[in-house]
Amino acid sequence: MRWYRPLLYPFSLLYDGVTALRNIMFDRGIKRSTVFSVPTIVVGNLNLGGSGKTPMVELLIGLFQRDYQLATLSRGYGRKSSGFILAEEHLGPKDIGDEPFQIFSKFGNQVTVSVGEDRVMAITEIMARKPETQLVLLDDAFQHRYVAADFYILLTTFQKPFFKDKVLPLGTLRENAKGAHRADLVVVTKTPPGIEKELKDAYCSKIRKYSDAKICFAEIGYGQPYPLNPRFLQEKKKVVLVSGIANDDLLFKQVSQAYEIIGRFDFGDHHHYQIKDLEKIRQKAGNLEDTMILTTEKDAVKLKNSAFDKYLSEIPIFVLPIKIEMEKECLSWLTSKVETIVGEKSGVSEN
């Protein structure tokens, strides 16, 4: 234990008390939550970052975009703008944030992508500008209780589940683990392949102390790398791994099984790439034979910037797609629940 850890206990107790009081005020109606006629689904977590919220939102888009007009809404963490913004072709990560830009880059106009700190106002704006919207997906809004969503998906990683964590600043919990009781579905993400049933049962037992929600386990799936610049079509055997995510340990482990990693740049989460970063990457990989840069989709959307064209034309940068893989039974259950919610909310007025 680090020497200063005991000093954090009073601050953790204070933070826990403040967030608990806030939740009590919402539970008792002292603070008001708004119910919308359009169905809303929240994807979030209790821990800070790195649980796979964006891949989960993309999974939901994949499940429902054929049947419903979808809109996504997030705060747009890391953007330099403020207020409500609808994603458009001329906007970039600095305008709408990393994750919304990634979703817009992948799905384009098939989905309405929006950002806004005030979720109540933002949903109202979405419905005013896109009245055909049939389902709103709120990214990272588990603690944003001013919206009373119809369905709550709580994510927690297998490596650091919320029931083993502590409230800030002792741990990484944004609120007490008791907050899990608001979830309708708890997804244990980043579950290693081949986990024995006994261990899954143990996790379920511990989650059950806090929530009666449906529990599903999900693995991280990796697709075939594709080039950021079409000029480079051939994959290389050696890799310089570049990432700016909350935790890239699983990414490193996966890549090392298929490639020889000769260099690694582990930037901070939501890192804004600069020319000096590309210079360092080029110096590392530029003169090496049979070597490519391998990065995540989240990083790729920021690297594909006109300011970096010079570097993109000189070195092969490949993108590794990442997705959440859930069991068919869980996907069927989730699909049925959402379809029921959308059906029941047809014609319901806002409160």
Protein backbone atom coordinates (compact mmCIF):
# COMPACT_ATOMS: atom_id res chain seq x y z
CA MET A 1 0.00 0.00 0.00
CA ARG A 2 1.30 3.43 -0.93
CA TRP A 3 2.21 5.64 2.02
CA TYR A 4 -0.34 8.37 1.21
CA ARG A 5 -3.31 6.01 0.80
CA PRO A 6 -4.65 6.49 4.39
CA LEU A 7 -4.75 10.23 3.72
CA LEU A 8 -7.27 9.66 0.95
CA TYR A 9 -9.91 8.01 3.14
CA PRO A 10 -11.54 11.27 4.36
CA PHE A 11 -11.81 12.55 0.78
CA SER A 12 -13.26 9.23 -0.39
CA LEU A 13 -15.85 9.30 2.40
CA LEU A 14 -16.76 12.87 1.52
CA TYR A 15 -17.12 12.08 -2.18
CA ASP A 16 -19.17 8.98 -1.35
CA GLY A 17 -21.44 11.02 0.88
CA VAL A 18 -22.00 13.75 -1.69
CA THR A 19 -22.83 11.32 -4.52
CA ALA A 20 -25.04 9.24 -2.21
CA LEU A 21 -26.99 12.36 -1.19
CA ARG A 22 -27.42 13.30 -4.84
CA ASN A 23 -28.80 9.84 -5.66
CA ILE A 24 -31.20 10.00 -2.70
CA MET A 25 -32.51 13.33 -3.95
CA PHE A 26 -33.24 11.82 -7.36
CA ASP A 27 -34.74 8.66 -5.86
CA ARG A 28 -37.14 10.72 -3.71
CA GLY A 29 -38.02 13.16 -6.47
CA ILE A 30 -36.37 16.15 -4.83
CA LYS A 31 -34.28 16.44 -7.98
CA ARG A 32 -36.37 15.95 -11.11
CA SER A 33 -35.68 13.43 -13.87
CA THR A 34 -37.25 13.95 -17.29
CA VAL A 35 -39.01 11.12 -19.09
CA PHE A 36 -39.12 11.36 -22.89
CA SER A 37 -41.62 9.88 -25.29
CA VAL A 38 -38.74 8.71 -27.47
CA PRO A 39 -37.18 5.52 -26.03
CA THR A 40 -33.78 6.09 -24.42
CA ILE A 41 -31.02 3.63 -23.58
CA VAL A 42 -28.10 4.52 -21.33
CA VAL A 43 -24.68 2.90 -21.68
CA GLY A 44 -22.33 3.69 -18.82
CA ASN A 45 -20.19 2.48 -15.96
CA LEU A 46 -19.41 3.08 -12.32
CA ASN A 47 -15.65 3.14 -12.86
CA LEU A 48 -13.70 5.82 -14.67
CA GLY A 49 -13.08 5.02 -18.36
CA GLY A 50 -11.85 1.99 -20.25
CA SER A 51 -14.86 -0.34 -19.97
CA GLY A 52 -15.80 -0.47 -23.65
CA LYS A 53 -18.68 2.01 -23.82
CA THR A 54 -18.10 3.01 -27.44
CA PRO A 55 -17.89 -0.59 -28.73
CA MET A 56 -21.10 -1.27 -26.80
CA VAL A 57 -22.84 1.67 -28.46
CA GLU A 58 -21.61 0.42 -31.82
CA LEU A 59 -22.99 -3.03 -30.99
CA LEU A 60 -26.39 -1.48 -30.27
CA ILE A 61 -26.24 0.45 -33.54
CA GLY A 62 -25.51 -2.79 -35.37
CA LEU A 63 -28.46 -4.50 -33.69
CA PHE A 64 -31.07 -1.81 -34.28
CA GLN A 65 -30.14 0.51 -37.15
CA ARG A 66 -32.08 -1.54 -39.69
CA ASP A 67 -35.30 -1.36 -37.70
CA TYR A 68 -35.20 2.10 -36.12
CA GLN A 69 -34.02 5.64 -36.78
CA LEU A 70 -31.21 5.94 -34.23
CA ALA A 71 -29.51 8.86 -32.55
CA THR A 72 -26.48 8.75 -30.27
CA LEU A 73 -25.82 11.34 -27.61
CA SER A 74 -22.74 11.87 -25.48
CA ARG A 75 -21.04 14.69 -23.69
CA GLY A 76 -18.25 14.66 -26.28
CA TYR A 77 -15.39 14.30 -23.84
CA GLY A 78 -12.17 16.00 -24.98
CA ARG A 79 -13.79 18.37 -27.48
CA LYS A 80 -12.86 22.04 -27.61
CA SER A 81 -16.44 23.16 -28.26
CA SER A 82 -19.46 23.38 -25.97
CA GLY A 83 -23.22 23.11 -26.21
CA PHE A 84 -25.33 20.94 -28.48
CA ILE A 85 -23.83 19.91 -31.83
CA LEU A 86 -24.96 17.50 -34.52
CA ALA A 87 -22.08 15.71 -36.25
CA GLU A 88 -21.44 16.85 -39.81
CA GLU A 89 -18.83 16.09 -42.46
CA HIS A 90 -16.75 19.22 -41.81
CA LEU A 91 -16.46 18.61 -38.05
CA GLY A 92 -13.61 16.73 -36.35
CA PRO A 93 -12.69 15.27 -32.95
CA LYS A 94 -11.99 18.73 -31.51
CA ASP A 95 -15.54 19.74 -32.39
CA ILE A 96 -17.51 16.71 -31.19
CA GLY A 97 -15.05 14.54 -29.23
CA ASP A 98 -13.14 11.36 -30.02
CA GLU A 99 -15.82 8.70 -29.60
CA PRO A 100 -18.67 10.56 -31.38
CA PHE A 101 -16.30 11.30 -34.26
CA GLN A 102 -15.36 7.61 -34.43
CA ILE A 103 -19.04 6.61 -34.56
CA PHE A 104 -19.83 9.24 -37.19
CA SER A 105 -16.80 8.17 -39.26
CA LYS A 106 -17.99 4.57 -39.16
CA PHE A 107 -21.75 4.97 -39.63
CA GLY A 108 -22.05 8.39 -41.27
CA ASN A 109 -25.58 9.60 -41.91
CA GLN A 110 -27.06 6.18 -41.13
CA VAL A 111 -27.21 7.38 -37.51
CA THR A 112 -27.72 10.83 -35.98
CA VAL A 113 -24.61 11.53 -33.90
CA SER A 114 -24.84 14.36 -31.39
CA VAL A 115 -23.07 15.81 -28.36
CA GLY A 116 -24.25 17.99 -25.51
CA GLU A 117 -23.47 18.45 -21.84
CA ASP A 118 -27.12 19.02 -20.92
CA ARG A 119 -28.69 15.73 -21.96
CA VAL A 120 -32.27 16.89 -21.36
CA MET A 121 -31.82 19.88 -23.64
CA ALA A 122 -29.89 17.76 -26.14
CA ILE A 123 -32.63 15.13 -26.48
CA THR A 124 -35.15 17.92 -26.95
CA GLU A 125 -32.94 19.35 -29.72
CA ILE A 126 -32.55 15.95 -31.37
CA MET A 127 -36.31 15.51 -31.54
CA ALA A 128 -36.80 19.04 -32.85
CA ARG A 129 -34.22 18.64 -35.60
CA LYS A 130 -34.66 14.93 -36.26
CA PRO A 131 -38.32 14.17 -35.39
CA GLU A 132 -38.09 10.82 -37.16
CA THR A 133 -35.79 9.53 -34.38
CA GLN A 134 -37.15 6.35 -32.79
CA LEU A 135 -34.41 5.43 -30.32
CA VAL A 136 -31.73 7.48 -28.53
CA LEU A 137 -28.52 5.86 -27.25
CA LEU A 138 -26.87 7.83 -24.45
CA ASP A 139 -23.16 7.14 -24.13
CA ASP A 140 -21.56 7.50 -20.68
CA ALA A 141 -24.69 8.75 -18.92
CA PHE A 142 -25.18 6.30 -16.04
CA GLN A 143 -24.66 9.12 -13.51
CA HIS A 144 -26.62 11.69 -15.55
CA ARG A 145 -29.89 11.22 -13.72
CA TYR A 146 -31.67 14.28 -15.07
CA VAL A 147 -32.77 11.92 -17.85
CA ALA A 148 -34.93 9.00 -16.71
CA ALA A 149 -33.93 6.45 -19.34
CA ASP A 150 -35.98 3.42 -20.29
CA PHE A 151 -33.11 0.95 -20.13
CA TYR A 152 -29.73 1.06 -18.38
CA ILE A 153 -26.70 -0.94 -19.46
CA LEU A 154 -23.89 -0.96 -16.90
CA LEU A 155 -20.44 -2.02 -18.07
CA THR A 156 -17.67 -3.28 -15.82
CA THR A 157 -14.43 -4.92 -16.87
CA PHE A 158 -13.49 -8.46 -15.91
CA GLN A 159 -10.06 -7.21 -14.85
CA LYS A 160 -11.37 -4.51 -12.50
CA PRO A 161 -15.04 -5.15 -11.66
CA PHE A 162 -16.88 -2.46 -9.73
CA PHE A 163 -17.40 -4.76 -6.72
CA LYS A 164 -13.63 -4.86 -6.17
CA ASP A 165 -13.16 -1.11 -6.56
CA LYS A 166 -13.50 1.85 -4.19
CA VAL A 167 -14.94 5.32 -4.51
CA LEU A 168 -12.69 8.14 -5.72
CA PRO A 169 -9.97 9.04 -4.86
CA LEU A 170 -9.17 5.71 -3.15
CA GLY A 171 -10.32 3.88 -6.26
CA THR A 172 -11.93 4.72 -9.58
CA LEU A 173 -15.65 4.52 -8.74
CA ARG A 174 -17.68 7.60 -9.66
CA GLU A 175 -20.26 6.58 -7.09
CA ASN A 176 -20.78 3.81 -4.57
CA ALA A 177 -21.13 0.29 -5.97
CA LYS A 178 -24.73 0.37 -4.71
CA GLY A 179 -25.49 2.47 -7.79
CA ALA A 180 -25.47 -0.76 -9.78
CA HIS A 181 -29.05 -1.36 -8.60
CA ARG A 182 -30.23 1.07 -11.32
CA ALA A 183 -28.96 -1.23 -14.09
CA ASP A 184 -31.25 -3.40 -16.20
CA LEU A 185 -28.29 -5.20 -17.74
CA VAL A 186 -24.76 -5.62 -16.37
CA VAL A 187 -22.16 -6.53 -18.98
CA VAL A 188 -18.79 -7.82 -17.79
CA THR A 189 -16.56 -6.64 -20.63
CA LYS A 190 -13.08 -7.72 -21.70
CA THR A 191 -13.74 -11.22 -20.40
CA PRO A 192 -10.85 -13.50 -21.41
CA PRO A 193 -11.82 -16.39 -23.72
CA GLY A 194 -12.42 -19.77 -22.14
CA ILE A 195 -13.27 -18.58 -18.62
CA GLU A 196 -14.66 -21.43 -16.56
CA LYS A 197 -18.30 -21.41 -15.48
CA GLU A 198 -17.32 -21.48 -11.81
CA LEU A 199 -15.48 -18.17 -12.14
CA LYS A 200 -18.37 -16.58 -14.01
CA ASP A 201 -20.74 -17.81 -11.31
CA ALA A 202 -18.49 -16.23 -8.68
CA TYR A 203 -18.64 -12.88 -10.50
CA CYS A 204 -22.42 -13.15 -10.80
CA SER A 205 -22.74 -13.88 -7.10
CA LYS A 206 -20.77 -10.75 -6.22
CA ILE A 207 -22.71 -8.58 -8.67
CA ARG A 208 -25.97 -9.92 -7.21
CA LYS A 209 -25.09 -8.22 -3.91
CA TYR A 210 -25.68 -4.91 -5.66
CA SER A 211 -28.03 -5.56 -8.56
CA ASP A 212 -30.84 -7.85 -9.72
CA ALA A 213 -30.10 -7.03 -13.35
CA LYS A 214 -29.51 -9.51 -16.14
CA ILE A 215 -25.76 -10.36 -16.25
CA CYS A 216 -23.86 -11.06 -19.46
CA PHE A 217 -20.20 -11.65 -20.19
CA ALA A 218 -18.59 -10.16 -23.28
CA GLU A 219 -15.23 -10.63 -24.95
CA ILE A 220 -13.24 -8.16 -27.00
CA GLY A 221 -13.16 -9.14 -30.65
CA TYR A 222 -10.52 -7.94 -33.11
CA GLY A 223 -11.07 -7.61 -36.83
CA GLN A 224 -8.65 -7.63 -39.76
CA PRO A 225 -6.34 -4.60 -39.79
CA TYR A 226 -6.93 -2.21 -42.67
CA PRO A 227 -4.69 0.61 -44.01
CA LEU A 228 -5.32 4.21 -43.07
CA ASN A 229 -3.79 5.20 -46.40
CA PRO A 230 -4.91 3.02 -49.37
CA ARG A 231 -1.42 3.40 -50.79
CA PHE A 232 -0.23 0.79 -48.30
CA LEU A 233 -2.17 -2.41 -48.86
CA GLN A 234 0.23 -5.07 -47.64
CA GLU A 235 0.43 -5.85 -43.92
CA LYS A 236 3.86 -6.15 -42.32
CA LYS A 237 5.16 -8.72 -39.89
CA LYS A 238 6.59 -6.22 -37.41
CA VAL A 239 4.53 -3.62 -35.57
CA VAL A 240 4.98 -0.35 -33.74
CA LEU A 241 1.86 -0.20 -31.55
CA VAL A 242 0.35 3.28 -31.11
CA SER A 243 -2.59 3.89 -28.80
CA GLY A 244 -4.26 6.64 -26.81
CA ILE A 245 -6.80 4.68 -24.77
CA ALA A 246 -7.46 4.23 -21.06
CA ASN A 247 -5.71 0.85 -20.85
CA ASP A 248 -3.98 -0.89 -23.74
CA ASP A 249 -2.75 -4.01 -21.93
CA LEU A 250 -5.31 -6.29 -23.61
CA LEU A 251 -4.58 -4.67 -26.95
CA PHE A 252 -0.86 -5.28 -26.48
CA LYS A 253 -1.47 -8.90 -25.52
CA GLN A 254 -3.69 -9.52 -28.55
CA VAL A 255 -1.34 -7.85 -31.05
CA SER A 256 1.72 -9.63 -29.64
CA GLN A 257 0.08 -12.97 -30.46
CA ALA A 258 -0.06 -12.16 -34.17
CA TYR A 259 2.84 -9.76 -34.75
CA GLU A 260 6.30 -8.94 -33.51
CA ILE A 261 5.98 -5.70 -31.54
CA ILE A 262 9.23 -3.75 -31.87
CA GLY A 263 7.98 -0.48 -30.41
CA ARG A 264 5.14 0.88 -28.36
CA PHE A 265 3.70 4.38 -27.92
CA ASP A 266 1.19 4.43 -25.08
CA PHE A 267 -0.32 7.91 -25.05
CA GLY A 268 -2.88 9.01 -22.50
CA ASP A 269 -6.61 8.53 -23.00
CA HIS A 270 -8.14 11.05 -25.44
CA HIS A 271 -4.68 12.15 -26.52
CA HIS A 272 -4.66 14.92 -29.12
CA TYR A 273 -1.91 14.02 -31.57
CA GLN A 274 0.59 16.66 -32.62
CA ILE A 275 3.30 16.89 -35.25
CA LYS A 276 5.96 16.00 -32.67
CA ASP A 277 4.13 12.72 -31.95
CA LEU A 278 4.15 11.78 -35.63
CA GLU A 279 7.82 12.69 -35.82
CA LYS A 280 8.63 10.27 -32.98
CA ILE A 281 6.55 7.53 -34.58
CA ARG A 282 8.18 8.05 -37.96
CA GLN A 283 11.65 7.97 -36.42
CA LYS A 284 10.84 4.67 -34.78
CA ALA A 285 9.30 2.94 -37.79
CA GLY A 286 10.41 4.91 -40.83
CA ASN A 287 13.75 3.20 -41.41
CA LEU A 288 12.75 -0.30 -40.39
CA GLU A 289 11.99 -2.93 -42.98
CA ASP A 290 8.80 -4.97 -42.92
CA THR A 291 7.33 -2.71 -40.22
CA MET A 292 3.96 -0.98 -39.93
CA ILE A 293 2.22 1.24 -37.40
CA LEU A 294 -0.79 -0.47 -35.82
CA THR A 295 -3.36 1.62 -33.96
CA THR A 296 -6.98 1.61 -32.77
CA GLU A 297 -10.02 3.04 -34.54
CA LYS A 298 -10.29 5.64 -31.81
CA ASP A 299 -6.76 6.84 -32.57
CA ALA A 300 -7.08 6.45 -36.33
CA VAL A 301 -9.83 9.04 -36.65
CA LYS A 302 -7.49 11.59 -35.07
CA LEU A 303 -4.46 10.55 -37.09
CA LYS A 304 -6.39 10.89 -40.33
CA ASN A 305 -5.92 14.63 -40.23
CA SER A 306 -4.81 16.82 -43.13
CA ALA A 307 -2.05 18.20 -40.91
CA PHE A 308 -0.51 14.72 -40.85
CA ASP A 309 -0.81 13.96 -44.59
CA LYS A 310 2.94 14.10 -45.02
CA TYR A 311 3.46 11.34 -42.49
CA LEU A 312 0.53 9.24 -43.64
CA SER A 313 2.07 9.12 -47.10
CA GLU A 314 5.46 8.02 -45.80
CA ILE A 315 4.71 5.25 -43.32
CA PRO A 316 2.16 2.41 -43.40
CA ILE A 317 -0.43 2.92 -40.66
CA PHE A 318 -2.94 0.12 -40.16
CA VAL A 319 -6.09 0.20 -38.04
CA LEU A 320 -7.22 -2.68 -35.82
CA PRO A 321 -11.03 -2.80 -35.47
CA ILE A 322 -12.31 -3.65 -31.99
CA LYS A 323 -15.80 -4.83 -31.11
CA ILE A 324 -17.75 -6.38 -28.25
CA GLU A 325 -18.76 -10.02 -28.67
CA MET A 326 -21.66 -11.26 -26.57
CA GLU A 327 -23.32 -14.66 -26.37
CA LYS A 328 -26.33 -15.19 -28.65
CA GLU A 329 -28.65 -15.71 -25.69
CA CYS A 330 -27.70 -12.30 -24.30
CA LEU A 331 -28.07 -10.61 -27.67
CA SER A 332 -31.53 -12.16 -28.12
CA TRP A 333 -32.57 -11.08 -24.62
CA LEU A 334 -31.30 -7.53 -25.21
CA THR A 335 -32.97 -7.27 -28.61
CA SER A 336 -36.29 -8.46 -27.18
CA LYS A 337 -36.15 -5.99 -24.28
CA VAL A 338 -35.42 -3.01 -26.52
CA GLU A 339 -38.09 -3.98 -29.04
CA THR A 340 -40.62 -4.19 -26.19
CA ILE A 341 -39.61 -0.76 -24.88
CA VAL A 342 -39.88 0.86 -28.31
CA GLY A 343 -43.25 -0.78 -28.86
CA GLU A 344 -44.64 0.28 -25.48
CA LYS A 345 -43.48 3.89 -25.86
CA SER A 346 -45.20 4.44 -29.18
CA GLY A 347 -47.62 7.32 -28.75
CA VAL A 348 -46.58 8.12 -25.15
CA SER A 349 -46.31 11.82 -24.34
CA GLU A 350 -43.41 13.40 -22.49
CA ASN A 351 -43.83 14.08 -18.78
